[in-house]
């Protein structure tokens, strides 16, 4: 009997697993890139942890107030690669979150619309 239950339950495919966890994975990457920038700017620019975190977040979010700027050549070069990779990772993370939200809402509306249609059909059959 245990074998029958085990065979009836299928393992999720790689695509299903990826679609289930890709938002979390990119979220970890996004948080990791901000942490990386915070540590690097703290070490290279000798900024406080708060200023380093602030600059890392403002730079990757493309807000760029301009109140803090890298001053050394090494930190300027790091900033170029940091922004290219960071903006890409954040955009990918936001894209996966929005796709998940749209899919979830579409499924919810599809179910509610289907439920309403079923109730209409049963009420018309009763009359």
N, C-alpha and C. Protein backbone atom coordinates (compact mmCIF):
# COMPACT_ATOMS: atom_id res chain seq x y z
N UNK A 1 0.80 -1.19 0.00
CA UNK A 1 0.00 0.00 0.00
C UNK A 1 0.85 1.27 0.00
N UNK A 2 1.94 1.22 0.76
CA UNK A 2 2.82 2.37 0.80
C UNK A 2 3.42 2.63 -0.58
N UNK A 3 3.69 1.56 -1.33
CA UNK A 3 4.23 1.73 -2.68
C UNK A 3 3.22 2.38 -3.60
N UNK A 4 1.93 2.04 -3.44
CA UNK A 4 0.90 2.66 -4.27
C UNK A 4 0.79 4.14 -3.99
N UNK A 5 0.84 4.54 -2.72
CA UNK A 5 0.79 5.96 -2.37
C UNK A 5 2.01 6.69 -2.88
N UNK A 6 3.16 6.09 -2.78
CA UNK A 6 4.39 6.72 -3.24
C UNK A 6 4.38 6.90 -4.75
N UNK A 7 3.85 5.90 -5.48
CA UNK A 7 3.84 6.02 -6.93
C UNK A 7 2.78 7.01 -7.41
N UNK A 8 1.73 7.21 -6.63
CA UNK A 8 0.69 8.16 -7.06
C UNK A 8 1.12 9.61 -6.82
N UNK A 9 2.06 9.83 -5.91
CA UNK A 9 2.57 11.17 -5.67
C UNK A 9 3.82 11.38 -6.50
N UNK A 10 3.74 12.31 -7.44
CA UNK A 10 4.88 12.55 -8.32
C UNK A 10 5.74 13.67 -7.76
N UNK A 11 7.02 13.58 -8.03
CA UNK A 11 7.95 14.64 -7.65
C UNK A 11 7.72 15.82 -8.59
N UNK A 12 7.82 17.04 -8.07
CA UNK A 12 7.67 18.19 -8.95
C UNK A 12 8.82 18.27 -9.95
N UNK A 13 8.53 18.74 -11.14
CA UNK A 13 9.56 18.85 -12.16
C UNK A 13 10.50 20.01 -11.82
N UNK A 14 11.60 20.06 -12.55
CA UNK A 14 12.56 21.14 -12.34
C UNK A 14 11.94 22.49 -12.64
N UNK A 15 11.09 22.55 -13.65
CA UNK A 15 10.43 23.81 -14.00
C UNK A 15 9.50 24.26 -12.88
N UNK A 16 8.76 23.32 -12.31
CA UNK A 16 7.87 23.67 -11.20
C UNK A 16 8.66 24.13 -9.98
N UNK A 17 9.75 23.45 -9.70
CA UNK A 17 10.59 23.86 -8.57
C UNK A 17 11.19 25.24 -8.81
N UNK A 18 11.67 25.48 -10.03
CA UNK A 18 12.25 26.78 -10.35
C UNK A 18 11.20 27.88 -10.22
N UNK A 19 10.02 27.67 -10.76
CA UNK A 19 9.00 28.70 -10.70
C UNK A 19 8.53 28.93 -9.27
N UNK A 20 8.63 27.91 -8.42
CA UNK A 20 8.23 28.06 -7.03
C UNK A 20 9.25 28.84 -6.22
N UNK A 21 10.53 28.65 -6.52
CA UNK A 21 11.57 29.22 -5.68
C UNK A 21 12.41 30.32 -6.32
N UNK A 22 12.17 30.68 -7.58
CA UNK A 22 13.04 31.65 -8.23
C UNK A 22 12.95 33.04 -7.60
N UNK A 23 11.80 33.43 -7.11
CA UNK A 23 11.70 34.72 -6.43
C UNK A 23 12.54 34.76 -5.17
N UNK A 24 12.55 33.67 -4.44
CA UNK A 24 13.37 33.60 -3.21
C UNK A 24 14.85 33.61 -3.55
N UNK A 25 15.21 32.90 -4.61
CA UNK A 25 16.62 32.83 -5.00
C UNK A 25 17.11 34.20 -5.42
N UNK A 26 16.36 34.89 -6.28
CA UNK A 26 16.78 36.21 -6.71
C UNK A 26 16.69 37.22 -5.57
N UNK A 27 15.78 37.02 -4.64
CA UNK A 27 15.72 37.88 -3.46
C UNK A 27 16.98 37.74 -2.61
N UNK A 28 17.46 36.52 -2.47
CA UNK A 28 18.72 36.31 -1.74
C UNK A 28 19.89 36.95 -2.48
N UNK A 29 19.90 36.84 -3.80
CA UNK A 29 20.95 37.50 -4.58
C UNK A 29 20.88 39.02 -4.41
N UNK A 30 19.68 39.57 -4.43
CA UNK A 30 19.51 41.02 -4.29
C UNK A 30 20.00 41.48 -2.92
N UNK A 31 19.63 40.75 -1.88
CA UNK A 31 20.11 41.10 -0.55
C UNK A 31 21.62 40.93 -0.44
N UNK A 32 22.14 39.88 -1.09
CA UNK A 32 23.58 39.64 -1.07
C UNK A 32 24.37 40.72 -1.77
N UNK A 33 23.82 41.25 -2.87
CA UNK A 33 24.55 42.29 -3.59
C UNK A 33 24.60 43.58 -2.77
N UNK A 34 23.54 43.88 -2.03
CA UNK A 34 23.56 45.06 -1.16
C UNK A 34 24.55 44.85 -0.01
N UNK A 35 24.57 43.65 0.54
CA UNK A 35 25.53 43.37 1.62
C UNK A 35 26.96 43.46 1.10
N UNK A 36 27.21 42.92 -0.10
CA UNK A 36 28.54 43.00 -0.70
C UNK A 36 28.96 44.46 -0.88
N UNK A 37 28.08 45.25 -1.45
CA UNK A 37 28.39 46.67 -1.64
C UNK A 37 28.65 47.39 -0.33
N UNK A 38 27.87 47.06 0.69
CA UNK A 38 28.04 47.68 2.00
C UNK A 38 29.44 47.40 2.56
N UNK A 39 29.86 46.15 2.49
CA UNK A 39 31.17 45.77 3.02
C UNK A 39 32.29 46.41 2.20
N UNK A 40 32.18 46.35 0.88
CA UNK A 40 33.25 46.87 0.02
C UNK A 40 33.39 48.39 0.19
N UNK A 41 32.28 49.12 0.20
CA UNK A 41 32.38 50.57 0.36
C UNK A 41 32.87 50.95 1.76
N UNK A 42 32.51 50.16 2.75
CA UNK A 42 33.01 50.41 4.10
C UNK A 42 34.53 50.26 4.12
N UNK A 43 35.04 49.26 3.44
CA UNK A 43 36.49 49.02 3.43
C UNK A 43 37.24 49.98 2.50
N UNK A 44 36.73 50.20 1.30
CA UNK A 44 37.45 51.02 0.32
C UNK A 44 37.34 52.52 0.59
N UNK A 45 36.18 52.96 1.00
CA UNK A 45 35.95 54.40 1.19
C UNK A 45 36.06 54.85 2.64
N UNK A 46 36.16 53.88 3.54
CA UNK A 46 36.21 54.17 4.98
C UNK A 46 34.95 54.92 5.43
N UNK A 47 33.81 54.57 4.82
CA UNK A 47 32.54 55.14 5.24
C UNK A 47 32.00 54.34 6.42
N UNK A 48 31.07 54.93 7.15
CA UNK A 48 30.41 54.18 8.22
C UNK A 48 29.57 53.07 7.60
N UNK A 49 29.16 52.11 8.43
CA UNK A 49 28.31 51.01 7.94
C UNK A 49 27.00 51.56 7.41
N UNK A 50 26.46 52.55 8.07
CA UNK A 50 25.17 53.12 7.63
C UNK A 50 25.34 53.83 6.28
N UNK A 51 26.41 54.63 6.15
CA UNK A 51 26.64 55.32 4.87
C UNK A 51 26.90 54.32 3.74
N UNK A 52 27.63 53.26 4.05
CA UNK A 52 27.92 52.24 3.04
C UNK A 52 26.65 51.53 2.60
N UNK A 53 25.81 51.17 3.56
CA UNK A 53 24.53 50.52 3.23
C UNK A 53 23.63 51.47 2.45
N UNK A 54 23.59 52.72 2.90
CA UNK A 54 22.78 53.75 2.22
C UNK A 54 23.22 53.90 0.77
N UNK A 55 24.52 54.07 0.53
CA UNK A 55 25.00 54.25 -0.83
C UNK A 55 24.73 53.01 -1.68
N UNK A 56 24.96 51.83 -1.12
CA UNK A 56 24.73 50.59 -1.87
C UNK A 56 23.28 50.48 -2.31
N UNK A 57 22.37 50.80 -1.41
CA UNK A 57 20.95 50.71 -1.73
C UNK A 57 20.52 51.78 -2.72
N UNK A 58 20.95 53.00 -2.50
CA UNK A 58 20.58 54.10 -3.39
C UNK A 58 21.15 53.89 -4.78
N UNK A 59 22.38 53.39 -4.87
CA UNK A 59 23.01 53.17 -6.18
C UNK A 59 22.31 52.07 -6.96
N UNK A 60 22.05 50.93 -6.31
CA UNK A 60 21.44 49.79 -7.01
C UNK A 60 19.99 50.08 -7.37
N UNK A 61 19.32 50.87 -6.57
CA UNK A 61 17.92 51.20 -6.89
C UNK A 61 17.83 52.28 -7.95
N UNK A 62 18.93 52.76 -8.44
CA UNK A 62 19.07 53.79 -9.48
C UNK A 62 18.51 55.14 -9.07
N UNK A 63 18.34 55.37 -7.78
CA UNK A 63 17.90 56.69 -7.32
C UNK A 63 19.05 57.67 -7.45
N UNK A 64 20.19 57.36 -6.86
CA UNK A 64 21.41 58.15 -7.04
C UNK A 64 21.29 59.59 -6.62
N UNK A 65 21.17 59.87 -5.34
CA UNK A 65 21.04 61.25 -4.87
C UNK A 65 22.31 62.06 -5.10
N UNK A 66 23.48 61.44 -5.10
CA UNK A 66 24.73 62.15 -5.34
C UNK A 66 25.36 62.74 -4.10
N UNK A 67 24.79 62.48 -2.93
CA UNK A 67 25.38 63.03 -1.71
C UNK A 67 26.62 62.27 -1.28
N UNK A 68 26.75 61.01 -1.65
CA UNK A 68 27.97 60.23 -1.44
C UNK A 68 28.44 59.76 -2.80
N UNK A 69 29.74 59.87 -3.04
CA UNK A 69 30.30 59.38 -4.29
C UNK A 69 31.62 58.68 -4.01
N UNK A 70 31.93 57.64 -4.76
CA UNK A 70 33.22 56.97 -4.60
C UNK A 70 34.35 57.93 -4.98
N UNK A 71 35.45 57.87 -4.23
CA UNK A 71 36.56 58.81 -4.46
C UNK A 71 37.82 58.14 -4.98
N UNK A 72 38.03 56.86 -4.69
CA UNK A 72 39.24 56.18 -5.16
C UNK A 72 38.98 55.50 -6.49
N UNK A 73 40.05 55.29 -7.24
CA UNK A 73 39.91 54.63 -8.54
C UNK A 73 39.37 53.21 -8.38
N UNK A 74 39.83 52.51 -7.35
CA UNK A 74 39.37 51.13 -7.14
C UNK A 74 37.88 51.11 -6.84
N UNK A 75 37.42 52.01 -5.99
CA UNK A 75 35.98 52.01 -5.66
C UNK A 75 35.14 52.48 -6.84
N UNK A 76 35.67 53.34 -7.69
CA UNK A 76 34.94 53.75 -8.89
C UNK A 76 34.79 52.57 -9.85
N UNK A 77 35.87 51.81 -10.03
CA UNK A 77 35.79 50.63 -10.90
C UNK A 77 34.84 49.59 -10.31
N UNK A 78 34.92 49.39 -8.99
CA UNK A 78 33.98 48.46 -8.35
C UNK A 78 32.55 48.91 -8.57
N UNK A 79 32.31 50.22 -8.48
CA UNK A 79 30.96 50.76 -8.63
C UNK A 79 30.39 50.46 -10.02
N UNK A 80 31.22 50.54 -11.04
CA UNK A 80 30.76 50.24 -12.41
C UNK A 80 30.22 48.80 -12.47
N UNK A 81 31.01 47.86 -12.01
CA UNK A 81 30.59 46.46 -12.06
C UNK A 81 29.47 46.17 -11.06
N UNK A 82 29.52 46.84 -9.92
CA UNK A 82 28.48 46.69 -8.90
C UNK A 82 27.12 47.13 -9.44
N UNK A 83 27.10 48.26 -10.12
CA UNK A 83 25.82 48.77 -10.65
C UNK A 83 25.29 47.90 -11.79
N UNK A 84 26.18 47.48 -12.67
CA UNK A 84 25.72 46.64 -13.79
C UNK A 84 25.12 45.34 -13.27
N UNK A 85 25.83 44.68 -12.37
CA UNK A 85 25.31 43.42 -11.85
C UNK A 85 24.16 43.64 -10.88
N UNK A 86 24.25 44.64 -10.04
CA UNK A 86 23.21 44.89 -9.04
C UNK A 86 21.88 45.29 -9.65
N UNK A 87 21.91 46.17 -10.62
CA UNK A 87 20.66 46.59 -11.27
C UNK A 87 20.03 45.41 -12.01
N UNK A 88 20.86 44.60 -12.64
CA UNK A 88 20.35 43.42 -13.34
C UNK A 88 19.69 42.45 -12.37
N UNK A 89 20.35 42.20 -11.24
CA UNK A 89 19.79 41.27 -10.25
C UNK A 89 18.50 41.82 -9.67
N UNK A 90 18.47 43.11 -9.32
CA UNK A 90 17.26 43.70 -8.76
C UNK A 90 16.12 43.70 -9.77
N UNK A 91 16.42 44.01 -11.02
CA UNK A 91 15.37 44.01 -12.05
C UNK A 91 14.82 42.60 -12.26
N UNK A 92 15.69 41.61 -12.23
CA UNK A 92 15.24 40.22 -12.38
C UNK A 92 14.38 39.81 -11.20
N UNK A 93 14.78 40.19 -10.00
CA UNK A 93 14.01 39.87 -8.80
C UNK A 93 12.63 40.52 -8.85
N UNK A 94 12.58 41.81 -9.20
CA UNK A 94 11.29 42.48 -9.31
C UNK A 94 10.42 41.84 -10.39
N UNK A 95 11.03 41.45 -11.50
CA UNK A 95 10.28 40.81 -12.58
C UNK A 95 9.66 39.49 -12.11
N UNK A 96 10.43 38.68 -11.38
CA UNK A 96 9.88 37.41 -10.91
C UNK A 96 8.77 37.64 -9.88
N UNK A 97 8.92 38.64 -9.03
CA UNK A 97 7.88 38.95 -8.04
C UNK A 97 6.59 39.41 -8.74
N UNK A 98 6.73 40.27 -9.75
CA UNK A 98 5.55 40.75 -10.46
C UNK A 98 4.87 39.64 -11.25
N UNK A 99 5.66 38.77 -11.87
CA UNK A 99 5.07 37.64 -12.60
C UNK A 99 4.30 36.74 -11.64
N UNK A 100 4.86 36.50 -10.48
CA UNK A 100 4.20 35.66 -9.48
C UNK A 100 2.89 36.29 -9.05
N UNK A 101 2.90 37.59 -8.81
CA UNK A 101 1.69 38.30 -8.38
C UNK A 101 0.62 38.26 -9.46
N UNK A 102 1.01 38.51 -10.69
CA UNK A 102 0.04 38.50 -11.80
C UNK A 102 -0.54 37.10 -11.98
N UNK A 103 0.31 36.08 -11.91
CA UNK A 103 -0.17 34.70 -12.05
C UNK A 103 -1.12 34.33 -10.93
N UNK A 104 -0.77 34.71 -9.71
CA UNK A 104 -1.62 34.41 -8.56
C UNK A 104 -2.97 35.10 -8.69
N UNK A 105 -2.96 36.36 -9.10
CA UNK A 105 -4.23 37.08 -9.25
C UNK A 105 -5.06 36.51 -10.38
N UNK A 106 -4.41 36.12 -11.47
CA UNK A 106 -5.16 35.54 -12.59
C UNK A 106 -5.81 34.23 -12.18
N UNK A 107 -5.08 33.41 -11.44
CA UNK A 107 -5.66 32.15 -10.98
C UNK A 107 -6.82 32.40 -10.02
N UNK A 108 -6.67 33.37 -9.14
CA UNK A 108 -7.73 33.67 -8.20
C UNK A 108 -8.99 34.17 -8.92
N UNK A 109 -8.80 35.02 -9.92
CA UNK A 109 -9.95 35.52 -10.67
C UNK A 109 -10.56 34.43 -11.54
N UNK A 110 -9.72 33.56 -12.06
CA UNK A 110 -10.23 32.46 -12.88
C UNK A 110 -11.07 31.50 -12.05
N UNK A 111 -10.64 31.24 -10.84
CA UNK A 111 -11.40 30.34 -9.97
C UNK A 111 -12.71 30.97 -9.54
N UNK A 112 -12.67 32.24 -9.20
CA UNK A 112 -13.90 32.88 -8.75
C UNK A 112 -14.89 33.02 -9.90
N UNK A 113 -14.36 33.29 -11.10
CA UNK A 113 -15.26 33.39 -12.25
C UNK A 113 -15.86 32.02 -12.56
N UNK A 114 -15.03 30.98 -12.46
CA UNK A 114 -15.53 29.62 -12.70
C UNK A 114 -16.55 29.22 -11.66
N UNK A 115 -16.33 29.61 -10.40
CA UNK A 115 -17.27 29.28 -9.35
C UNK A 115 -18.60 29.98 -9.57
N UNK A 116 -18.55 31.23 -10.03
CA UNK A 116 -19.79 31.97 -10.30
C UNK A 116 -20.56 31.34 -11.45
N UNK A 117 -19.83 30.91 -12.49
CA UNK A 117 -20.50 30.30 -13.64
C UNK A 117 -21.16 28.99 -13.24
N UNK A 118 -20.49 28.22 -12.40
CA UNK A 118 -21.08 26.96 -11.95
C UNK A 118 -22.34 27.21 -11.14
N UNK A 119 -22.34 28.23 -10.29
CA UNK A 119 -23.52 28.50 -9.48
C UNK A 119 -24.68 29.01 -10.34
N UNK A 120 -24.37 29.74 -11.41
CA UNK A 120 -25.41 30.22 -12.32
C UNK A 120 -26.07 29.05 -13.06
N UNK A 121 -25.21 28.09 -13.49
CA UNK A 121 -25.73 26.96 -14.23
C UNK A 121 -26.64 26.10 -13.34
N UNK A 122 -26.26 25.91 -12.10
CA UNK A 122 -27.08 25.08 -11.22
C UNK A 122 -28.39 25.77 -10.85
N UNK A 123 -28.34 27.10 -10.74
CA UNK A 123 -29.59 27.79 -10.40
C UNK A 123 -30.53 27.82 -11.59
N UNK A 124 -30.00 27.87 -12.83
CA UNK A 124 -30.88 27.86 -13.99
C UNK A 124 -31.45 26.45 -14.22
N UNK A 125 -30.70 25.43 -13.85
CA UNK A 125 -31.19 24.06 -14.00
C UNK A 125 -32.32 23.77 -13.03
N UNK A 126 -32.30 24.40 -11.86
CA UNK A 126 -33.32 24.16 -10.84
C UNK A 126 -34.68 24.75 -11.23
N UNK A 127 -34.69 25.79 -12.07
CA UNK A 127 -35.97 26.44 -12.36
C UNK A 127 -36.75 25.81 -13.43
